[in-house]
Every structure is written in structure tokens, then in C-alpha cells.
Amino acid sequence: MDSDDLIIQSLKNGAELQQQEDDDKEAALAIAATILVGVELARQDHIENRQPRRLYLCRPQLLPNPRKDTPWQVLFATQNNCAFITTMGLFQNSEI
């Protein structure tokens, strides 16, 4: 082998090594994204399962400006059954 062949072989090996490193980085990013999505889905599932047991109103169910509309109008417009039942003590059918 002459020196040109060695240089070409060395460049090919370097390119293959760079490609392998890039593939490893992409795989690591894909795994990290999958974990983050899984964590977010688990958090949302926990929130949804916790909501039915809540017997009090949180900030999203409270009126941003209570002087604008009556509380019943705003509560009815949100179509939030939990908030409606807690406040009014009645069941409101959301298919109206």
C-alpha cells in the first residue's frame, strides 16, 4: 500500500466513526424524547385521575373578572361538570 491508499483508508475510517457518533446521538435524543413524552403523559393521567375526587374549586374554575358576568353564566359556559356540581349541587348534562 502506498501513502495515498493509507490516507484514503484513514479518511474512510474517520467518516465511518463520525457517522456512528451521529447515529448514537440521534438514538440518545430519540430515547430522551420518548422518556419526556412518557413522563408528561403519566403526569396528565395522574391529574385526570385526581380530578374526580376533588371537592373544591381551583384557580382555573374561578372567575377571572367576577364583575363581568354572573358566576352562574360563566360556570355554565365552561361546561365543567365538577365545578358545576360542586357549586350548584346539581348534575348538568354537557350534551345540551
PDB file of N, CA and C in Angstrom:
ATOM      1  N   MET A   1       0.840  -1.189   0.000  1.00  0.00           N
ATOM      2  CA  MET A   1       0.000   0.000   0.000  1.00  0.00           C
ATOM      3  C   MET A   1       0.876   1.240   0.000  1.00  0.00           C
ATOM      4  N   ASP A   2       0.482   2.170  -0.781  1.00  0.00           N
ATOM      5  CA  ASP A   2       1.254   3.399  -0.755  1.00  0.00           C
ATOM      6  C   ASP A   2       0.585   4.407   0.174  1.00  0.00           C
ATOM      7  N   SER A   3       1.188   5.548   0.347  1.00  0.00           N
ATOM      8  CA  SER A   3       0.697   6.543   1.310  1.00  0.00           C
ATOM      9  C   SER A   3      -0.672   7.100   0.927  1.00  0.00           C
ATOM     10  N   ASP A   4      -1.001   7.188  -0.356  1.00  0.00           N
ATOM     11  CA  ASP A   4      -2.319   7.678  -0.776  1.00  0.00           C
ATOM     12  C   ASP A   4      -3.426   6.720  -0.331  1.00  0.00           C
ATOM     13  N   ASP A   5      -3.180   5.425  -0.447  1.00  0.00           N
ATOM     14  CA  ASP A   5      -4.166   4.440  -0.016  1.00  0.00           C
ATOM     15  C   ASP A   5      -4.381   4.508   1.491  1.00  0.00           C
ATOM     16  N   LEU A   6      -3.303   4.732   2.230  1.00  0.00           N
ATOM     17  CA  LEU A   6      -3.418   4.850   3.692  1.00  0.00           C
ATOM     18  C   LEU A   6      -4.224   6.097   4.084  1.00  0.00           C
ATOM     19  N   ILE A   7      -3.999   7.170   3.380  1.00  0.00           N
ATOM     20  CA  ILE A   7      -4.741   8.408   3.664  1.00  0.00           C
ATOM     21  C   ILE A   7      -6.219   8.221   3.350  1.00  0.00           C
ATOM     22  N   ILE A   8      -6.519   7.601   2.217  1.00  0.00           N
ATOM     23  CA  ILE A   8      -7.917   7.364   1.835  1.00  0.00           C
ATOM     24  C   ILE A   8      -8.590   6.438   2.848  1.00  0.00           C
ATOM     25  N   GLN A   9      -7.890   5.376   3.263  1.00  0.00           N
ATOM     26  CA  GLN A   9      -8.441   4.439   4.244  1.00  0.00           C
ATOM     27  C   GLN A   9      -8.670   5.156   5.577  1.00  0.00           C
ATOM     28  N   SER A  10      -7.742   6.006   5.976  1.00  0.00           N
ATOM     29  CA  SER A  10      -7.880   6.759   7.221  1.00  0.00           C
ATOM     30  C   SER A  10      -9.072   7.705   7.164  1.00  0.00           C
ATOM     31  N   LEU A  11      -9.274   8.369   6.024  1.00  0.00           N
ATOM     32  CA  LEU A  11     -10.422   9.275   5.871  1.00  0.00           C
ATOM     33  C   LEU A  11     -11.741   8.501   5.910  1.00  0.00           C
ATOM     34  N   LYS A  12     -11.765   7.309   5.282  1.00  0.00           N
ATOM     35  CA  LYS A  12     -12.974   6.483   5.305  1.00  0.00           C
ATOM     36  C   LYS A  12     -13.296   6.040   6.726  1.00  0.00           C
ATOM     37  N   ASN A  13     -12.276   5.645   7.472  1.00  0.00           N
ATOM     38  CA  ASN A  13     -12.485   5.225   8.862  1.00  0.00           C
ATOM     39  C   ASN A  13     -12.991   6.394   9.708  1.00  0.00           C
ATOM     40  N   GLY A  14     -12.426   7.571   9.475  1.00  0.00           N
ATOM     41  CA  GLY A  14     -12.876   8.761  10.207  1.00  0.00           C
ATOM     42  C   GLY A  14     -14.319   9.103   9.888  1.00  0.00           C
ATOM     43  N   ALA A  15     -14.703   8.970   8.621  1.00  0.00           N
ATOM     44  CA  ALA A  15     -16.082   9.259   8.218  1.00  0.00           C
ATOM     45  C   ALA A  15     -17.048   8.248   8.822  1.00  0.00           C
ATOM     46  N   GLU A  16     -16.643   6.977   8.854  1.00  0.00           N
ATOM     47  CA  GLU A  16     -17.489   5.946   9.458  1.00  0.00           C
ATOM     48  C   GLU A  16     -17.640   6.187  10.953  1.00  0.00           C
ATOM     49  N   LEU A  17     -16.565   6.576  11.602  1.00  0.00           N
ATOM     50  CA  LEU A  17     -16.616   6.871  13.038  1.00  0.00           C
ATOM     51  C   LEU A  17     -17.538   8.058  13.307  1.00  0.00           C
ATOM     52  N   GLN A  18     -17.446   9.101  12.485  1.00  0.00           N
ATOM     53  CA  GLN A  18     -18.314  10.269  12.639  1.00  0.00           C
ATOM     54  C   GLN A  18     -19.783   9.879  12.432  1.00  0.00           C
ATOM     55  N   GLN A  19     -20.053   9.033  11.437  1.00  0.00           N
ATOM     56  CA  GLN A  19     -21.423   8.577  11.174  1.00  0.00           C
ATOM     57  C   GLN A  19     -21.957   7.788  12.363  1.00  0.00           C
ATOM     58  N   GLN A  20     -21.112   6.934  12.956  1.00  0.00           N
ATOM     59  CA  GLN A  20     -21.533   6.152  14.119  1.00  0.00           C
ATOM     60  C   GLN A  20     -21.846   7.067  15.296  1.00  0.00           C
ATOM     61  N   GLU A  21     -21.021   8.092  15.515  1.00  0.00           N
ATOM     62  CA  GLU A  21     -21.272   9.045  16.599  1.00  0.00           C
ATOM     63  C   GLU A  21     -22.571   9.807  16.366  1.00  0.00           C
ATOM     64  N   ASP A  22     -22.823  10.207  15.119  1.00  0.00           N
ATOM     65  CA  ASP A  22     -24.069  10.904  14.794  1.00  0.00           C
ATOM     66  C   ASP A  22     -25.276   9.999  15.035  1.00  0.00           C
ATOM     67  N   ASP A  23     -25.161   8.733  14.644  1.00  0.00           N
ATOM     68  CA  ASP A  23     -26.253   7.778  14.872  1.00  0.00           C
ATOM     69  C   ASP A  23     -26.509   7.585  16.362  1.00  0.00           C
ATOM     70  N   ASP A  24     -25.434   7.515  17.142  1.00  0.00           N
ATOM     71  CA  ASP A  24     -25.576   7.362  18.595  1.00  0.00           C
ATOM     72  C   ASP A  24     -26.269   8.577  19.211  1.00  0.00           C
ATOM     73  N   LYS A  25     -25.911   9.764  18.736  1.00  0.00           N
ATOM     74  CA  LYS A  25     -26.554  10.986  19.249  1.00  0.00           C
ATOM     75  C   LYS A  25     -28.038  11.014  18.898  1.00  0.00           C
ATOM     76  N   GLU A  26     -28.381  10.620  17.675  1.00  0.00           N
ATOM     77  CA  GLU A  26     -29.792  10.584  17.272  1.00  0.00           C
ATOM     78  C   GLU A  26     -30.572   9.579  18.104  1.00  0.00           C
ATOM     79  N   ALA A  27     -29.967   8.422  18.367  1.00  0.00           N
ATOM     80  CA  ALA A  27     -30.633   7.409  19.187  1.00  0.00           C
ATOM     81  C   ALA A  27     -30.840   7.925  20.610  1.00  0.00           C
ATOM     82  N   ALA A  28     -29.839   8.607  21.159  1.00  0.00           N
ATOM     83  CA  ALA A  28     -29.963   9.158  22.512  1.00  0.00           C
ATOM     84  C   ALA A  28     -31.055  10.221  22.568  1.00  0.00           C
ATOM     85  N   LEU A  29     -31.137  11.061  21.550  1.00  0.00           N
ATOM     86  CA  LEU A  29     -32.191  12.082  21.507  1.00  0.00           C
ATOM     87  C   LEU A  29     -33.571  11.442  21.392  1.00  0.00           C
ATOM     88  N   ALA A  30     -33.680  10.388  20.591  1.00  0.00           N
ATOM     89  CA  ALA A  30     -34.970   9.705  20.448  1.00  0.00           C
ATOM     90  C   ALA A  30     -35.391   9.081  21.774  1.00  0.00           C
ATOM     91  N   ILE A  31     -34.453   8.475  22.488  1.00  0.00           N
ATOM     92  CA  ILE A  31     -34.767   7.878  23.797  1.00  0.00           C
ATOM     93  C   ILE A  31     -35.166   8.962  24.788  1.00  0.00           C
ATOM     94  N   ALA A  32     -34.450  10.079  24.807  1.00  0.00           N
ATOM     95  CA  ALA A  32     -34.778  11.177  25.724  1.00  0.00           C
ATOM     96  C   ALA A  32     -36.158  11.748  25.411  1.00  0.00           C
ATOM     97  N   ALA A  33     -36.477  11.897  24.130  1.00  0.00           N
ATOM     98  CA  ALA A  33     -37.797  12.427  23.754  1.00  0.00           C
ATOM     99  C   ALA A  33     -38.892  11.456  24.172  1.00  0.00           C
ATOM    100  N   THR A  34     -38.657  10.165  24.002  1.00  0.00           N
ATOM    101  CA  THR A  34     -39.649   9.162  24.409  1.00  0.00           C
ATOM    102  C   THR A  34     -39.877   9.199  25.919  1.00  0.00           C
ATOM    103  N   ILE A  35     -38.803   9.340  26.665  1.00  0.00           N
ATOM    104  CA  ILE A  35     -38.939   9.414  28.123  1.00  0.00           C
ATOM    105  C   ILE A  35     -39.708  10.666  28.531  1.00  0.00           C
ATOM    106  N   LEU A  36     -39.392  11.809  27.918  1.00  0.00           N
ATOM    107  CA  LEU A  36     -40.092  13.055  28.265  1.00  0.00           C
ATOM    108  C   LEU A  36     -41.582  12.969  27.929  1.00  0.00           C
ATOM    109  N   VAL A  37     -41.908  12.389  26.781  1.00  0.00           N
ATOM    110  CA  VAL A  37     -43.319  12.236  26.416  1.00  0.00           C
ATOM    111  C   VAL A  37     -44.010  11.308  27.410  1.00  0.00           C
ATOM    112  N   GLY A  38     -43.349  10.226  27.785  1.00  0.00           N
ATOM    113  CA  GLY A  38     -43.921   9.300  28.762  1.00  0.00           C
ATOM    114  C   GLY A  38     -44.163   9.952  30.109  1.00  0.00           C
ATOM    115  N   VAL A  39     -43.221  10.762  30.554  1.00  0.00           N
ATOM    116  CA  VAL A  39     -43.377  11.465  31.831  1.00  0.00           C
ATOM    117  C   VAL A  39     -44.557  12.433  31.759  1.00  0.00           C
ATOM    118  N   GLU A  40     -44.681  13.169  30.668  1.00  0.00           N
ATOM    119  CA  GLU A  40     -45.779  14.124  30.520  1.00  0.00           C
ATOM    120  C   GLU A  40     -47.125  13.398  30.464  1.00  0.00           C
ATOM    121  N   LEU A  41     -47.197  12.289  29.741  1.00  0.00           N
ATOM    122  CA  LEU A  41     -48.446  11.524  29.682  1.00  0.00           C
ATOM    123  C   LEU A  41     -48.812  10.960  31.052  1.00  0.00           C
ATOM    124  N   ALA A  42     -47.827  10.502  31.814  1.00  0.00           N
ATOM    125  CA  ALA A  42     -48.089   9.998  33.159  1.00  0.00           C
ATOM    126  C   ALA A  42     -48.585  11.116  34.072  1.00  0.00           C
ATOM    127  N   ARG A  43     -48.008  12.304  33.918  1.00  0.00           N
ATOM    128  CA  ARG A  43     -48.451  13.450  34.737  1.00  0.00           C
ATOM    129  C   ARG A  43     -49.885  13.830  34.404  1.00  0.00           C
ATOM    130  N   GLN A  44     -50.214  13.879  33.108  1.00  0.00           N
ATOM    131  CA  GLN A  44     -51.578  14.202  32.703  1.00  0.00           C
ATOM    132  C   GLN A  44     -52.566  13.142  33.188  1.00  0.00           C
ATOM    133  N   ASP A  45     -52.164  11.873  33.113  1.00  0.00           N
ATOM    134  CA  ASP A  45     -53.032  10.789  33.588  1.00  0.00           C
ATOM    135  C   ASP A  45     -53.272  10.926  35.089  1.00  0.00           C
ATOM    136  N   HIS A  46     -52.233  11.266  35.827  1.00  0.00           N
ATOM    137  CA  HIS A  46     -52.376  11.463  37.273  1.00  0.00           C
ATOM    138  C   HIS A  46     -53.332  12.617  37.578  1.00  0.00           C
ATOM    139  N   ILE A  47     -53.207  13.698  36.834  1.00  0.00           N
ATOM    140  CA  ILE A  47     -54.086  14.855  37.036  1.00  0.00           C
ATOM    141  C   ILE A  47     -55.534  14.484  36.734  1.00  0.00           C
ATOM    142  N   GLU A  48     -55.761  13.777  35.617  1.00  0.00           N
ATOM    143  CA  GLU A  48     -57.129  13.394  35.252  1.00  0.00           C
ATOM    144  C   GLU A  48     -57.739  12.436  36.263  1.00  0.00           C
ATOM    145  N   ASN A  49     -56.951  11.530  36.808  1.00  0.00           N
ATOM    146  CA  ASN A  49     -57.480  10.590  37.802  1.00  0.00           C
ATOM    147  C   ASN A  49     -57.702  11.247  39.149  1.00  0.00           C
ATOM    148  N   ARG A  50     -56.981  12.310  39.436  1.00  0.00           N
ATOM    149  CA  ARG A  50     -57.139  13.014  40.706  1.00  0.00           C
ATOM    150  C   ARG A  50     -58.369  13.926  40.688  1.00  0.00           C
ATOM    151  N   GLN A  51     -58.718  14.460  39.522  1.00  0.00           N
ATOM    152  CA  GLN A  51     -59.783  15.447  39.413  1.00  0.00           C
ATOM    153  C   GLN A  51     -61.134  14.986  39.967  1.00  0.00           C
ATOM    154  N   PRO A  52     -61.620  13.765  39.691  1.00  0.00           N
ATOM    155  CA  PRO A  52     -62.961  13.408  40.175  1.00  0.00           C
ATOM    156  C   PRO A  52     -63.093  13.426  41.691  1.00  0.00           C
ATOM    157  N   ARG A  53     -62.001  13.234  42.416  1.00  0.00           N
ATOM    158  CA  ARG A  53     -62.093  13.214  43.878  1.00  0.00           C
ATOM    159  C   ARG A  53     -62.033  14.612  44.484  1.00  0.00           C
ATOM    160  N   ARG A  54     -61.732  15.602  43.685  1.00  0.00           N
ATOM    161  CA  ARG A  54     -61.583  16.959  44.196  1.00  0.00           C
ATOM    162  C   ARG A  54     -62.959  17.562  44.446  1.00  0.00           C
ATOM    163  N   LEU A  55     -63.170  18.061  45.650  1.00  0.00           N
ATOM    164  CA  LEU A  55     -64.454  18.661  46.007  1.00  0.00           C
ATOM    165  C   LEU A  55     -64.331  20.154  46.245  1.00  0.00           C
ATOM    166  N   TYR A  56     -63.335  20.767  45.679  1.00  0.00           N
ATOM    167  CA  TYR A  56     -63.156  22.204  45.817  1.00  0.00           C
ATOM    168  C   TYR A  56     -62.737  22.776  44.473  1.00  0.00           C
ATOM    169  N   LEU A  57     -62.894  24.066  44.339  1.00  0.00           N
ATOM    170  CA  LEU A  57     -62.552  24.730  43.076  1.00  0.00           C
ATOM    171  C   LEU A  57     -61.110  25.216  43.101  1.00  0.00           C
ATOM    172  N   CYS A  58     -60.457  25.086  41.969  1.00  0.00           N
ATOM    173  CA  CYS A  58     -59.091  25.593  41.816  1.00  0.00           C
ATOM    174  C   CYS A  58     -59.130  26.854  40.961  1.00  0.00           C
ATOM    175  N   ARG A  59     -58.016  27.512  40.831  1.00  0.00           N
ATOM    176  CA  ARG A  59     -57.955  28.779  40.106  1.00  0.00           C
ATOM    177  C   ARG A  59     -58.549  28.716  38.696  1.00  0.00           C
ATOM    178  N   PRO A  60     -58.311  27.661  37.894  1.00  0.00           N
ATOM    179  CA  PRO A  60     -58.913  27.656  36.548  1.00  0.00           C
ATOM    180  C   PRO A  60     -60.446  27.669  36.566  1.00  0.00           C
ATOM    181  N   GLN A  61     -61.057  27.171  37.641  1.00  0.00           N
ATOM    182  CA  GLN A  61     -62.513  27.191  37.719  1.00  0.00           C
ATOM    183  C   GLN A  61     -63.057  28.506  38.298  1.00  0.00           C
ATOM    184  N   LEU A  62     -62.196  29.334  38.859  1.00  0.00           N
ATOM    185  CA  LEU A  62     -62.647  30.607  39.422  1.00  0.00           C
ATOM    186  C   LEU A  62     -62.780  31.655  38.322  1.00  0.00           C
ATOM    187  N   LEU A  63     -63.585  32.656  38.584  1.00  0.00           N
ATOM    188  CA  LEU A  63     -63.829  33.707  37.596  1.00  0.00           C
ATOM    189  C   LEU A  63     -62.645  34.660  37.511  1.00  0.00           C
ATOM    190  N   PRO A  64     -62.190  34.978  36.293  1.00  0.00           N
ATOM    191  CA  PRO A  64     -61.100  35.949  36.164  1.00  0.00           C
ATOM    192  C   PRO A  64     -61.560  37.361  36.517  1.00  0.00           C
ATOM    193  N   ASN A  65     -62.802  37.697  36.177  1.00  0.00           N
ATOM    194  CA  ASN A  65     -63.355  39.004  36.497  1.00  0.00           C
ATOM    195  C   ASN A  65     -64.800  38.793  36.956  1.00  0.00           C
ATOM    196  N   PRO A  66     -65.040  38.666  38.255  1.00  0.00           N
ATOM    197  CA  PRO A  66     -66.386  38.363  38.733  1.00  0.00           C
ATOM    198  C   PRO A  66     -67.403  39.474  38.498  1.00  0.00           C
ATOM    199  N   ARG A  67     -66.955  40.664  38.126  1.00  0.00           N
ATOM    200  CA  ARG A  67     -67.896  41.760  37.866  1.00  0.00           C
ATOM    201  C   ARG A  67     -68.418  41.737  36.438  1.00  0.00           C
ATOM    202  N   LYS A  68     -67.803  40.937  35.558  1.00  0.00           N
ATOM    203  CA  LYS A  68     -68.177  40.933  34.146  1.00  0.00           C
ATOM    204  C   LYS A  68     -69.486  40.182  33.902  1.00  0.00           C
ATOM    205  N   ASP A  69     -69.567  38.936  34.308  1.00  0.00           N
ATOM    206  CA  ASP A  69     -70.770  38.115  34.143  1.00  0.00           C
ATOM    207  C   ASP A  69     -71.163  37.560  35.504  1.00  0.00           C
ATOM    208  N   THR A  70     -72.370  37.030  35.553  1.00  0.00           N
ATOM    209  CA  THR A  70     -72.755  36.389  36.803  1.00  0.00           C
ATOM    210  C   THR A  70     -71.990  35.082  36.922  1.00  0.00           C
ATOM    211  N   PRO A  71     -71.736  34.655  38.129  1.00  0.00           N
ATOM    212  CA  PRO A  71     -70.992  33.398  38.295  1.00  0.00           C
ATOM    213  C   PRO A  71     -71.676  32.217  37.606  1.00  0.00           C
ATOM    214  N   TRP A  72     -72.985  32.164  37.641  1.00  0.00           N
ATOM    215  CA  TRP A  72     -73.666  31.042  37.019  1.00  0.00           C
ATOM    216  C   TRP A  72     -73.463  31.044  35.501  1.00  0.00           C
ATOM    217  N   GLN A  73     -73.510  32.187  34.857  1.00  0.00           N
ATOM    218  CA  GLN A  73     -73.306  32.251  33.409  1.00  0.00           C
ATOM    219  C   GLN A  73     -71.915  31.765  33.013  1.00  0.00           C
ATOM    220  N   VAL A  74     -70.912  32.213  33.722  1.00  0.00           N
ATOM    221  CA  VAL A  74     -69.545  31.812  33.406  1.00  0.00           C
ATOM    222  C   VAL A  74     -69.350  30.333  33.700  1.00  0.00           C
ATOM    223  N   LEU A  75     -69.874  29.860  34.817  1.00  0.00           N
ATOM    224  CA  LEU A  75     -69.748  28.457  35.179  1.00  0.00           C
ATOM    225  C   LEU A  75     -70.441  27.565  34.151  1.00  0.00           C
ATOM    226  N   PHE A  76     -71.618  27.956  33.711  1.00  0.00           N
ATOM    227  CA  PHE A  76     -72.351  27.186  32.708  1.00  0.00           C
ATOM    228  C   PHE A  76     -71.610  27.184  31.380  1.00  0.00           C
ATOM    229  N   ALA A  77     -71.004  28.289  31.012  1.00  0.00           N
ATOM    230  CA  ALA A  77     -70.282  28.393  29.738  1.00  0.00           C
ATOM    231  C   ALA A  77     -69.028  27.526  29.716  1.00  0.00           C
ATOM    232  N   THR A  78     -68.408  27.270  30.867  1.00  0.00           N
ATOM    233  CA  THR A  78     -67.202  26.432  30.894  1.00  0.00           C
ATOM    234  C   THR A  78     -67.517  24.964  30.668  1.00  0.00           C
ATOM    235  N   GLN A  79     -68.741  24.541  30.890  1.00  0.00           N
ATOM    236  CA  GLN A  79     -69.150  23.142  30.738  1.00  0.00           C
ATOM    237  C   GLN A  79     -68.290  22.206  31.590  1.00  0.00           C
ATOM    238  N   ASN A  80     -67.868  22.670  32.762  1.00  0.00           N
ATOM    239  CA  ASN A  80     -67.072  21.862  33.682  1.00  0.00           C
ATOM    240  C   ASN A  80     -68.020  21.246  34.699  1.00  0.00           C
ATOM    241  N   ASN A  81     -68.306  19.951  34.547  1.00  0.00           N
ATOM    242  CA  ASN A  81     -69.274  19.284  35.408  1.00  0.00           C
ATOM    243  C   ASN A  81     -68.862  19.300  36.867  1.00  0.00           C
ATOM    244  N   CYS A  82     -67.579  19.086  37.140  1.00  0.00           N
ATOM    245  CA  CYS A  82     -67.129  19.045  38.531  1.00  0.00           C
ATOM    246  C   CYS A  82     -67.383  20.390  39.220  1.00  0.00           C
ATOM    247  N   ALA A  83     -67.003  21.471  38.558  1.00  0.00           N
ATOM    248  CA  ALA A  83     -67.207  22.798  39.133  1.00  0.00           C
ATOM    249  C   ALA A  83     -68.698  23.093  39.265  1.00  0.00           C
ATOM    250  N   PHE A  84     -69.480  22.690  38.271  1.00  0.00           N
ATOM    251  CA  PHE A  84     -70.921  22.945  38.304  1.00  0.00           C
ATOM    252  C   PHE A  84     -71.577  22.195  39.462  1.00  0.00           C
ATOM    253  N   ILE A  85     -71.243  20.923  39.609  1.00  0.00           N
ATOM    254  CA  ILE A  85     -71.837  20.117  40.679  1.00  0.00           C
ATOM    255  C   ILE A  85     -71.414  20.647  42.041  1.00  0.00           C
ATOM    256  N   THR A  86     -70.138  20.993  42.170  1.00  0.00           N
ATOM    257  CA  THR A  86     -69.645  21.497  43.447  1.00  0.00           C
ATOM    258  C   THR A  86     -70.343  22.793  43.832  1.00  0.00           C
ATOM    259  N   THR A  87     -70.535  23.678  42.879  1.00  0.00           N
ATOM    260  CA  THR A  87     -71.143  24.972  43.160  1.00  0.00           C
ATOM    261  C   THR A  87     -72.655  24.894  43.304  1.00  0.00           C
ATOM    262  N   MET A  88     -73.314  24.212  42.373  1.00  0.00           N
ATOM    263  CA  MET A  88     -74.770  24.196  42.346  1.00  0.00           C
ATOM    264  C   MET A  88     -75.385  22.984  43.049  1.00  0.00           C
ATOM    265  N   GLY A  89     -74.619  21.925  43.191  1.00  0.00           N
ATOM    266  CA  GLY A  89     -75.157  20.731  43.812  1.00  0.00           C
ATOM    267  C   GLY A  89     -76.076  19.954  42.887  1.00  0.00           C
ATOM    268  N   LEU A  90     -76.027  20.205  41.590  1.00  0.00           N
ATOM    269  CA  LEU A  90     -76.863  19.537  40.609  1.00  0.00           C
ATOM    270  C   LEU A  90     -75.987  18.910  39.551  1.00  0.00           C
ATOM    271  N   PHE A  91     -76.574  17.963  38.780  1.00  0.00           N
ATOM    272  CA  PHE A  91     -75.861  17.382  37.662  1.00  0.00           C
ATOM    273  C   PHE A  91     -76.280  18.112  36.410  1.00  0.00           C
ATOM    274  N   GLN A  92     -75.313  18.617  35.639  1.00  0.00           N
ATOM    275  CA  GLN A  92     -75.592  19.340  34.397  1.00  0.00           C
ATOM    276  C   GLN A  92     -75.156  18.478  33.260  1.00  0.00           C
ATOM    277  N   ASN A  93     -76.063  18.163  32.328  1.00  0.00           N
ATOM    278  CA  ASN A  93     -75.744  17.348  31.171  1.00  0.00           C
ATOM    279  C   ASN A  93     -74.972  18.185  30.157  1.00  0.00           C
ATOM    280  N   SER A  94     -73.763  17.729  29.776  1.00  0.00           N
ATOM    281  CA  SER A  94     -72.912  18.525  28.889  1.00  0.00           C
ATOM    282  C   SER A  94     -73.312  18.386  27.424  1.00  0.00           C
ATOM    283  N   GLU A  95     -74.354  17.667  27.090  1.00  0.00           N
ATOM    284  CA  GLU A  95     -74.781  17.488  25.698  1.00  0.00           C
ATOM    285  C   GLU A  95     -75.911  18.442  25.327  1.00  0.00           C
ATOM    286  N   ILE A  96     -76.042  19.532  26.013  1.00  0.00           N
ATOM    287  CA  ILE A  96     -77.117  20.492  25.725  1.00  0.00           C
ATOM    288  C   ILE A  96     -76.807  21.239  24.481  1.00  0.00           C
TER     289      ILE A  96
END
